[in-house]
Amino acid sequence: MTEQRRDITNPLALAVLALLFERPMHPYEIASLMRNRAIHEAIKLNYGSLYTVVDGLLRAGLIETEGTVRAGRRPERTVYRLTEAGRARFDGWLRHLLRTPVKEYTQFAAGLAFAAAVGTTELSALLEERARAIDAELAECRAIVDGLTERGLPRLFMLESEHAQVLRTAELAWVRGLIGALADGSLAFPTADQIAVLQQNFPDAAPSPAETDE
């Protein structure tokens, strides 16, 4: 029971249900559509996980086999379709994801929580590296979206890519703002006097004077 619950909360399971909502297909076709539409940029895809997810959905009664197909000399492939339970699960899950904001714990936020540990000089250098990486990522993402648009994929099918670009663009602007603040000194490690005040007002949270950034 626990294994089934894990499978049907996996974003890859959502992708399988969503594509089978369009029409019955086999896992290889599901993977191909995810790549062709760049869905794999939003939902992690590998073939081993895909077949595990399909097996979990099948055991949970959310999908069922429709038959098999064979193209030329390729191996025979099993075609799956949604069950009524699968359609209901997809409908409810998708609407919940669209309407309900949730707290997402990102790796960057975890790093920021302890950024003072590297000191302001190194922090600036690390953020410069991050800004360059985001620039490159945004350029690649725009190229992918432009290519899909040229091939005729409607904007409605690329909202996840647009969302990713908006978030990364906002992050890039914020990171560059941090770099600027570190350069002009407006973002700096607190002085010994400031730490003394912090220790008085927040005794369990303030750093010790020995931790000041030289």
Protein backbone atom coordinates (compact mmCIF):
# COMPACT_ATOMS: atom_id res chain seq x y z
CA MET A 1 0.00 0.00 0.00
CA THR A 2 2.81 2.40 0.89
CA GLU A 3 4.55 1.72 -2.43
CA GLN A 4 1.41 2.55 -4.40
CA ARG A 5 0.94 5.83 -2.58
CA ARG A 6 4.54 6.80 -3.35
CA ASP A 7 4.11 5.97 -7.04
CA ILE A 8 0.97 8.04 -7.50
CA THR A 9 2.43 11.14 -5.87
CA ASN A 10 5.48 11.08 -8.14
CA PRO A 11 5.35 13.94 -10.73
CA LEU A 12 6.33 11.39 -13.37
CA ALA A 13 3.11 9.50 -12.55
CA LEU A 14 1.19 12.72 -13.20
CA ALA A 15 2.84 12.97 -16.63
CA VAL A 16 1.86 9.37 -17.44
CA LEU A 17 -1.75 9.96 -16.41
CA ALA A 18 -1.86 13.26 -18.32
CA LEU A 19 -0.58 11.78 -21.57
CA LEU A 20 -2.83 8.73 -21.30
CA PHE A 21 -5.67 11.20 -20.75
CA GLU A 22 -4.99 12.29 -24.35
CA ARG A 23 -5.00 8.76 -25.76
CA PRO A 24 -3.79 5.21 -25.04
CA MET A 25 -0.07 4.70 -25.68
CA HIS A 26 2.94 2.63 -24.69
CA PRO A 27 5.70 3.85 -22.32
CA TYR A 28 8.20 4.51 -25.13
CA GLU A 29 5.67 6.83 -26.78
CA ILE A 30 5.04 8.56 -23.45
CA ALA A 31 8.78 9.20 -23.06
CA SER A 32 9.05 10.44 -26.65
CA LEU A 33 6.19 12.90 -26.18
CA MET A 34 7.71 14.17 -22.95
CA ARG A 35 10.97 14.89 -24.76
CA ASN A 36 9.34 16.34 -27.88
CA ARG A 37 7.27 18.76 -25.80
CA ALA A 38 10.13 19.46 -23.36
CA ILE A 39 8.03 18.16 -20.46
CA HIS A 40 11.20 16.44 -19.24
CA GLU A 41 12.55 19.92 -18.43
CA ALA A 42 9.87 20.20 -15.72
CA ILE A 43 9.50 16.54 -14.71
CA LYS A 44 12.55 14.31 -14.37
CA LEU A 45 12.48 11.46 -16.87
CA ASN A 46 14.45 8.27 -17.12
CA TYR A 47 13.24 5.01 -18.62
CA GLY A 48 13.82 2.90 -15.51
CA SER A 49 11.69 5.20 -13.36
CA LEU A 50 9.05 5.45 -16.08
CA TYR A 51 8.50 1.70 -16.21
CA THR A 52 8.43 1.55 -12.40
CA VAL A 53 5.77 4.28 -12.34
CA VAL A 54 3.71 2.55 -15.04
CA ASP A 55 3.85 -0.69 -13.04
CA GLY A 56 2.73 1.15 -9.89
CA LEU A 57 -0.17 2.83 -11.67
CA LEU A 58 -1.21 -0.51 -13.13
CA ARG A 59 -1.17 -2.19 -9.71
CA ALA A 60 -3.10 0.75 -8.22
CA GLY A 61 -5.84 0.30 -10.83
CA LEU A 62 -5.31 3.75 -12.33
CA ILE A 63 -4.32 2.42 -15.75
CA GLU A 64 -4.93 -0.85 -17.59
CA THR A 65 -3.57 -2.61 -20.64
CA GLU A 66 -5.37 -2.07 -23.91
CA GLY A 67 -3.28 -4.39 -26.07
CA THR A 68 0.11 -4.63 -27.74
CA VAL A 69 1.65 -3.12 -30.85
CA ARG A 70 4.68 -3.99 -32.95
CA ALA A 71 6.35 -1.70 -35.49
CA GLY A 72 8.61 -3.48 -37.97
CA ARG A 73 11.34 -5.44 -36.21
CA ARG A 74 11.00 -3.51 -32.98
CA PRO A 75 9.98 -5.36 -29.80
CA GLU A 76 6.30 -5.74 -29.03
CA ARG A 77 5.09 -2.93 -26.77
CA THR A 78 2.21 -2.87 -24.31
CA VAL A 79 -0.31 -0.05 -24.77
CA TYR A 80 -1.96 1.39 -21.66
CA ARG A 81 -5.09 3.47 -21.12
CA LEU A 82 -6.66 5.29 -18.17
CA THR A 83 -9.26 3.58 -16.05
CA GLU A 84 -12.16 5.56 -14.60
CA ALA A 85 -10.27 5.64 -11.29
CA GLY A 86 -7.20 6.92 -13.12
CA ARG A 87 -9.17 9.69 -14.81
CA ALA A 88 -10.65 10.75 -11.47
CA ARG A 89 -7.20 10.67 -9.81
CA PHE A 90 -5.70 12.76 -12.61
CA ASP A 91 -8.55 15.30 -12.53
CA GLY A 92 -8.31 15.83 -8.78
CA TRP A 93 -4.50 15.81 -8.63
CA LEU A 94 -4.06 18.31 -11.47
CA ARG A 95 -6.60 20.75 -10.03
CA HIS A 96 -4.98 20.53 -6.61
CA LEU A 97 -1.55 21.35 -8.07
CA LEU A 98 -2.89 24.32 -10.01
CA ARG A 99 -4.93 25.86 -7.20
CA THR A 100 -2.89 25.15 -4.06
CA PRO A 101 0.45 26.84 -3.34
CA VAL A 102 2.84 24.65 -1.36
CA LYS A 103 6.11 25.33 0.41
CA GLU A 104 8.97 24.02 -1.73
CA TYR A 105 12.33 23.48 -0.08
CA THR A 106 14.96 24.37 -2.68
CA GLN A 107 18.65 23.61 -2.44
CA PHE A 108 19.48 27.27 -3.09
CA ALA A 109 17.37 28.37 -0.11
CA ALA A 110 19.19 25.83 2.06
CA GLY A 111 22.52 27.32 0.97
CA LEU A 112 21.34 30.88 1.57
CA ALA A 113 20.34 29.99 5.13
CA PHE A 114 24.04 29.46 5.92
CA ALA A 115 25.63 31.84 3.41
CA ALA A 116 27.41 33.78 6.16
CA ALA A 117 29.63 30.75 6.77
CA VAL A 118 31.61 31.38 3.57
CA GLY A 119 32.24 35.06 4.22
CA THR A 120 31.19 37.98 2.05
CA THR A 121 34.15 37.91 -0.34
CA GLU A 122 33.69 34.27 -1.33
CA LEU A 123 29.90 34.65 -1.29
CA SER A 124 30.19 37.33 -3.96
CA ALA A 125 32.34 35.06 -6.14
CA LEU A 126 29.95 32.13 -5.71
CA LEU A 127 26.96 34.28 -6.61
CA GLU A 128 28.79 35.55 -9.71
CA GLU A 129 29.21 31.91 -10.79
CA ARG A 130 25.52 31.26 -10.13
CA ALA A 131 24.50 34.32 -12.17
CA ARG A 132 26.54 33.11 -15.15
CA ALA A 133 25.00 29.64 -14.86
CA ILE A 134 21.47 31.09 -14.76
CA ASP A 135 22.22 33.24 -17.80
CA ALA A 136 23.28 30.14 -19.73
CA GLU A 137 20.25 28.18 -18.51
CA LEU A 138 17.86 30.94 -19.57
CA ALA A 139 19.43 31.12 -23.02
CA GLU A 140 19.02 27.35 -23.43
CA CYS A 141 15.42 27.47 -22.19
CA ARG A 142 14.53 30.28 -24.59
CA ALA A 143 16.07 28.33 -27.47
CA ILE A 144 13.97 25.27 -26.57
CA VAL A 145 10.76 27.30 -26.35
CA ASP A 146 11.51 29.12 -29.61
CA GLY A 147 12.10 25.78 -31.33
CA LEU A 148 8.83 24.34 -30.03
CA THR A 149 6.95 27.49 -31.06
CA GLU A 150 8.39 27.29 -34.57
CA ARG A 151 7.20 23.68 -34.77
CA GLY A 152 3.69 24.85 -33.91
CA LEU A 153 3.32 23.79 -30.27
CA PRO A 154 0.73 26.15 -28.67
CA ARG A 155 1.72 28.30 -25.70
CA LEU A 156 -0.78 26.43 -23.49
CA PHE A 157 1.46 23.36 -23.74
CA MET A 158 4.59 25.28 -22.69
CA LEU A 159 3.41 27.09 -19.56
CA GLU A 160 5.77 25.08 -17.34
CA SER A 161 8.74 26.33 -19.41
CA GLU A 162 7.44 29.89 -19.25
CA HIS A 163 7.03 29.57 -15.48
CA ALA A 164 10.60 28.30 -15.13
CA GLN A 165 11.90 31.25 -17.14
CA VAL A 166 9.96 33.76 -15.01
CA LEU A 167 11.32 32.27 -11.78
CA ARG A 168 14.89 32.11 -13.06
CA THR A 169 14.74 35.66 -14.44
CA ALA A 170 13.51 36.95 -11.07
CA GLU A 171 16.21 34.94 -9.26
CA LEU A 172 18.89 36.30 -11.57
CA ALA A 173 17.82 39.91 -10.89
CA TRP A 174 17.84 39.22 -7.15
CA VAL A 175 21.23 37.51 -7.21
CA ARG A 176 22.72 40.41 -9.17
CA GLY A 177 21.24 42.74 -6.56
CA LEU A 178 23.01 40.75 -3.83
CA ILE A 179 26.28 40.95 -5.74
CA GLY A 180 25.88 44.72 -6.00
CA ALA A 181 25.07 45.01 -2.30
CA LEU A 182 28.14 42.97 -1.39
CA ALA A 183 30.28 45.19 -3.63
CA ASP A 184 29.05 48.50 -2.15
CA GLY A 185 29.12 47.21 1.43
CA SER A 186 25.40 47.50 2.11
CA LEU A 187 25.31 43.71 2.60
CA ALA A 188 28.09 42.84 5.01
CA PHE A 189 28.80 40.61 7.96
CA PRO A 190 27.76 42.43 11.18
CA THR A 191 30.43 44.26 13.12
CA ALA A 192 31.37 43.28 16.68
CA ASP A 193 29.07 46.04 18.05
CA GLN A 194 26.16 44.84 15.88
CA ILE A 195 26.75 41.25 17.00
CA ALA A 196 26.64 42.37 20.63
CA VAL A 197 23.20 43.89 20.00
CA LEU A 198 22.09 40.73 18.20
CA GLN A 199 23.25 38.56 21.08
CA GLN A 200 21.29 40.71 23.47
CA ASN A 201 18.07 40.64 21.42
CA PHE A 202 18.41 37.16 19.86
CA PRO A 203 20.70 35.18 22.19
CA ASP A 204 19.97 31.83 20.53
CA ALA A 205 20.38 33.06 16.95
CA ALA A 206 23.23 35.55 16.81
CA PRO A 207 26.76 34.59 15.67
CA SER A 208 29.72 34.96 17.98
CA PRO A 209 32.30 37.74 17.39
CA ALA A 210 34.79 35.05 16.33
CA GLU A 211 32.66 34.36 13.28
CA THR A 212 33.00 37.86 11.82
CA ASP A 213 34.07 38.07 8.18
CA GLU A 214 37.56 39.49 7.96
